[in-house]
N, C-alpha and C. Protein backbone atom coordinates (compact mmCIF):
# COMPACT_ATOMS: atom_id res chain seq x y z
N MET A 1 3.71 9.36 29.48
CA MET A 1 2.89 8.46 30.29
C MET A 1 1.63 8.11 29.51
N ASN A 2 1.29 6.86 29.47
CA ASN A 2 0.12 6.40 28.73
C ASN A 2 -1.05 6.28 29.69
N ASP A 3 -2.10 7.07 29.47
CA ASP A 3 -3.27 7.07 30.34
C ASP A 3 -4.40 6.21 29.79
N THR A 4 -4.06 5.17 29.03
CA THR A 4 -5.09 4.33 28.45
C THR A 4 -4.78 2.87 28.75
N LEU A 5 -5.78 2.13 29.18
CA LEU A 5 -5.67 0.70 29.43
C LEU A 5 -6.29 -0.02 28.26
N HIS A 6 -5.50 -0.87 27.59
CA HIS A 6 -6.02 -1.59 26.44
C HIS A 6 -6.67 -2.89 26.87
N ILE A 7 -7.89 -3.09 26.45
CA ILE A 7 -8.62 -4.32 26.71
C ILE A 7 -8.45 -5.20 25.49
N GLU A 8 -7.99 -6.42 25.68
CA GLU A 8 -7.78 -7.33 24.56
C GLU A 8 -9.12 -7.86 24.04
N PRO A 9 -9.37 -7.72 22.75
CA PRO A 9 -10.61 -8.26 22.17
C PRO A 9 -10.55 -9.79 22.13
N THR A 10 -11.71 -10.42 22.09
CA THR A 10 -11.78 -11.87 22.01
C THR A 10 -11.51 -12.31 20.57
N GLU A 11 -11.20 -13.60 20.40
CA GLU A 11 -10.97 -14.15 19.07
C GLU A 11 -12.21 -13.96 18.19
N GLU A 12 -13.38 -14.14 18.78
CA GLU A 12 -14.63 -13.99 18.02
C GLU A 12 -14.83 -12.55 17.56
N GLN A 13 -14.54 -11.58 18.42
CA GLN A 13 -14.66 -10.18 18.04
C GLN A 13 -13.70 -9.84 16.90
N ILE A 14 -12.48 -10.33 17.00
CA ILE A 14 -11.49 -10.07 15.96
C ILE A 14 -11.94 -10.69 14.65
N GLN A 15 -12.44 -11.91 14.71
CA GLN A 15 -12.88 -12.62 13.50
C GLN A 15 -14.01 -11.85 12.81
N LYS A 16 -14.98 -11.39 13.57
CA LYS A 16 -16.10 -10.65 12.99
C LYS A 16 -15.64 -9.33 12.37
N GLU A 17 -14.80 -8.60 13.10
CA GLU A 17 -14.33 -7.30 12.60
C GLU A 17 -13.45 -7.49 11.36
N ALA A 18 -12.61 -8.53 11.36
CA ALA A 18 -11.76 -8.81 10.20
C ALA A 18 -12.62 -9.13 8.98
N TYR A 19 -13.70 -9.87 9.19
CA TYR A 19 -14.61 -10.18 8.09
C TYR A 19 -15.23 -8.91 7.53
N TYR A 20 -15.68 -8.03 8.42
CA TYR A 20 -16.30 -6.78 7.96
C TYR A 20 -15.30 -5.93 7.17
N LEU A 21 -14.06 -5.85 7.67
CA LEU A 21 -13.02 -5.08 6.97
C LEU A 21 -12.73 -5.70 5.59
N TRP A 22 -12.60 -7.01 5.56
CA TRP A 22 -12.33 -7.74 4.31
C TRP A 22 -13.46 -7.52 3.31
N HIS A 23 -14.69 -7.65 3.77
CA HIS A 23 -15.86 -7.51 2.91
C HIS A 23 -15.95 -6.07 2.38
N ALA A 24 -15.71 -5.09 3.24
CA ALA A 24 -15.78 -3.68 2.83
C ALA A 24 -14.68 -3.34 1.83
N ASP A 25 -13.61 -4.13 1.82
CA ASP A 25 -12.48 -3.89 0.93
C ASP A 25 -12.61 -4.66 -0.38
N GLY A 26 -13.76 -5.29 -0.61
CA GLY A 26 -14.00 -5.99 -1.86
C GLY A 26 -13.62 -7.46 -1.87
N CYS A 27 -13.40 -8.06 -0.71
CA CYS A 27 -13.12 -9.50 -0.56
C CYS A 27 -11.87 -9.97 -1.30
N PRO A 28 -10.74 -9.27 -1.18
CA PRO A 28 -9.53 -9.73 -1.86
C PRO A 28 -8.99 -11.00 -1.21
N SER A 29 -8.31 -11.82 -1.99
CA SER A 29 -7.77 -13.06 -1.44
C SER A 29 -6.31 -12.87 -1.02
N GLY A 30 -5.87 -13.72 -0.09
CA GLY A 30 -4.48 -13.74 0.31
C GLY A 30 -4.04 -12.70 1.33
N ARG A 31 -4.97 -12.01 1.94
CA ARG A 31 -4.61 -10.97 2.91
C ARG A 31 -5.25 -11.21 4.27
N ASP A 32 -5.45 -12.48 4.59
CA ASP A 32 -6.12 -12.84 5.84
C ASP A 32 -5.45 -12.20 7.06
N LEU A 33 -4.13 -12.36 7.14
CA LEU A 33 -3.40 -11.85 8.30
C LEU A 33 -3.48 -10.33 8.39
N ASP A 34 -3.44 -9.65 7.27
CA ASP A 34 -3.56 -8.19 7.27
C ASP A 34 -4.87 -7.74 7.91
N TYR A 35 -5.96 -8.38 7.52
CA TYR A 35 -7.27 -8.02 8.06
C TYR A 35 -7.40 -8.41 9.52
N TRP A 36 -6.82 -9.54 9.90
CA TRP A 36 -6.85 -10.00 11.29
C TRP A 36 -6.13 -8.97 12.19
N LEU A 37 -4.93 -8.58 11.78
CA LEU A 37 -4.16 -7.63 12.58
C LEU A 37 -4.81 -6.26 12.63
N ALA A 38 -5.36 -5.82 11.51
CA ALA A 38 -6.04 -4.53 11.47
C ALA A 38 -7.27 -4.54 12.38
N ALA A 39 -8.02 -5.63 12.36
CA ALA A 39 -9.21 -5.76 13.19
C ALA A 39 -8.83 -5.76 14.67
N LYS A 40 -7.79 -6.49 15.02
CA LYS A 40 -7.35 -6.55 16.41
C LYS A 40 -6.94 -5.17 16.91
N GLU A 41 -6.18 -4.45 16.11
CA GLU A 41 -5.73 -3.11 16.50
C GLU A 41 -6.91 -2.15 16.62
N LEU A 42 -7.82 -2.21 15.68
CA LEU A 42 -9.01 -1.37 15.71
C LEU A 42 -9.82 -1.62 16.97
N LEU A 43 -10.04 -2.88 17.29
CA LEU A 43 -10.83 -3.22 18.47
C LEU A 43 -10.11 -2.83 19.76
N ARG A 44 -8.80 -2.98 19.79
CA ARG A 44 -8.05 -2.58 20.99
C ARG A 44 -8.22 -1.10 21.26
N HIS A 45 -8.17 -0.28 20.21
CA HIS A 45 -8.33 1.16 20.40
C HIS A 45 -9.78 1.53 20.69
N ARG A 46 -10.70 0.82 20.08
CA ARG A 46 -12.12 1.09 20.30
C ARG A 46 -12.51 0.78 21.74
N HIS A 47 -11.92 -0.25 22.32
CA HIS A 47 -12.27 -0.67 23.68
C HIS A 47 -11.31 -0.16 24.73
N ALA A 48 -10.42 0.75 24.37
CA ALA A 48 -9.46 1.29 25.32
C ALA A 48 -10.20 2.02 26.44
N ARG A 49 -9.71 1.84 27.64
CA ARG A 49 -10.31 2.47 28.80
C ARG A 49 -9.35 3.51 29.35
N PRO A 50 -9.84 4.72 29.63
CA PRO A 50 -8.97 5.73 30.22
C PRO A 50 -8.59 5.34 31.65
N THR A 51 -7.40 5.71 32.07
CA THR A 51 -6.96 5.45 33.44
C THR A 51 -6.57 6.76 34.09
N GLY A 52 -6.40 6.75 35.37
CA GLY A 52 -5.91 7.92 36.10
C GLY A 52 -6.75 9.16 35.90
N ALA A 53 -6.08 10.27 35.59
CA ALA A 53 -6.75 11.57 35.47
C ALA A 53 -7.80 11.57 34.38
N LYS A 54 -7.52 10.90 33.27
CA LYS A 54 -8.50 10.87 32.18
C LYS A 54 -9.79 10.19 32.62
N ARG A 55 -9.67 9.11 33.41
CA ARG A 55 -10.85 8.41 33.90
C ARG A 55 -11.66 9.32 34.82
N ARG A 56 -10.97 10.02 35.73
CA ARG A 56 -11.68 10.92 36.64
C ARG A 56 -12.37 12.03 35.86
N ARG A 57 -11.69 12.57 34.85
CA ARG A 57 -12.26 13.63 34.03
C ARG A 57 -13.48 13.12 33.27
N ALA A 58 -13.39 11.92 32.71
CA ALA A 58 -14.51 11.35 31.96
C ALA A 58 -15.70 11.13 32.88
N ARG A 59 -15.44 10.68 34.10
CA ARG A 59 -16.52 10.45 35.04
C ARG A 59 -17.17 11.78 35.44
N ALA A 60 -16.36 12.81 35.64
CA ALA A 60 -16.89 14.12 36.03
C ALA A 60 -17.70 14.75 34.90
N ASP A 61 -17.34 14.45 33.65
CA ASP A 61 -18.05 15.01 32.50
C ASP A 61 -19.33 14.26 32.16
N ALA A 62 -19.51 13.08 32.74
CA ALA A 62 -20.68 12.26 32.41
C ALA A 62 -21.96 12.96 32.87
N VAL A 63 -23.00 12.80 32.10
CA VAL A 63 -24.29 13.39 32.42
C VAL A 63 -25.11 12.37 33.18
N ALA A 64 -25.63 12.76 34.32
CA ALA A 64 -26.47 11.86 35.12
C ALA A 64 -27.86 11.80 34.51
N VAL A 65 -28.35 10.60 34.33
CA VAL A 65 -29.68 10.39 33.79
C VAL A 65 -30.50 9.71 34.85
N PRO A 66 -31.62 10.31 35.27
CA PRO A 66 -32.44 9.68 36.30
C PRO A 66 -33.02 8.37 35.78
N ILE A 67 -33.09 7.41 36.68
CA ILE A 67 -33.63 6.09 36.33
C ILE A 67 -34.98 5.94 37.02
N GLU A 68 -35.97 5.64 36.22
CA GLU A 68 -37.31 5.44 36.77
C GLU A 68 -37.37 4.10 37.48
N PRO A 69 -37.98 4.05 38.67
CA PRO A 69 -38.10 2.77 39.37
C PRO A 69 -39.01 1.83 38.59
N ARG A 70 -38.68 0.55 38.63
CA ARG A 70 -39.50 -0.46 37.95
C ARG A 70 -40.75 -0.73 38.76
N VAL A 71 -41.85 -0.82 38.07
CA VAL A 71 -43.12 -1.13 38.72
C VAL A 71 -43.45 -2.57 38.41
N SER A 72 -43.70 -3.35 39.48
CA SER A 72 -44.01 -4.78 39.28
C SER A 72 -45.48 -5.00 39.15
């Protein structure tokens, strides 16, 4: 059973991440699709959201931080 919901990245997010991957790899030519697919997969995993029991566990483990009221 897969307890992760994949959020699809936008075209702009994929384009930016693919550029960063390409640049970090020394700017080789002819591998546009490789970087595009790698960026898309990376972003899908980075933005994955837990579902079911994992989500409840993540929520229970979260640390509550008090929020100061705004003064106008």
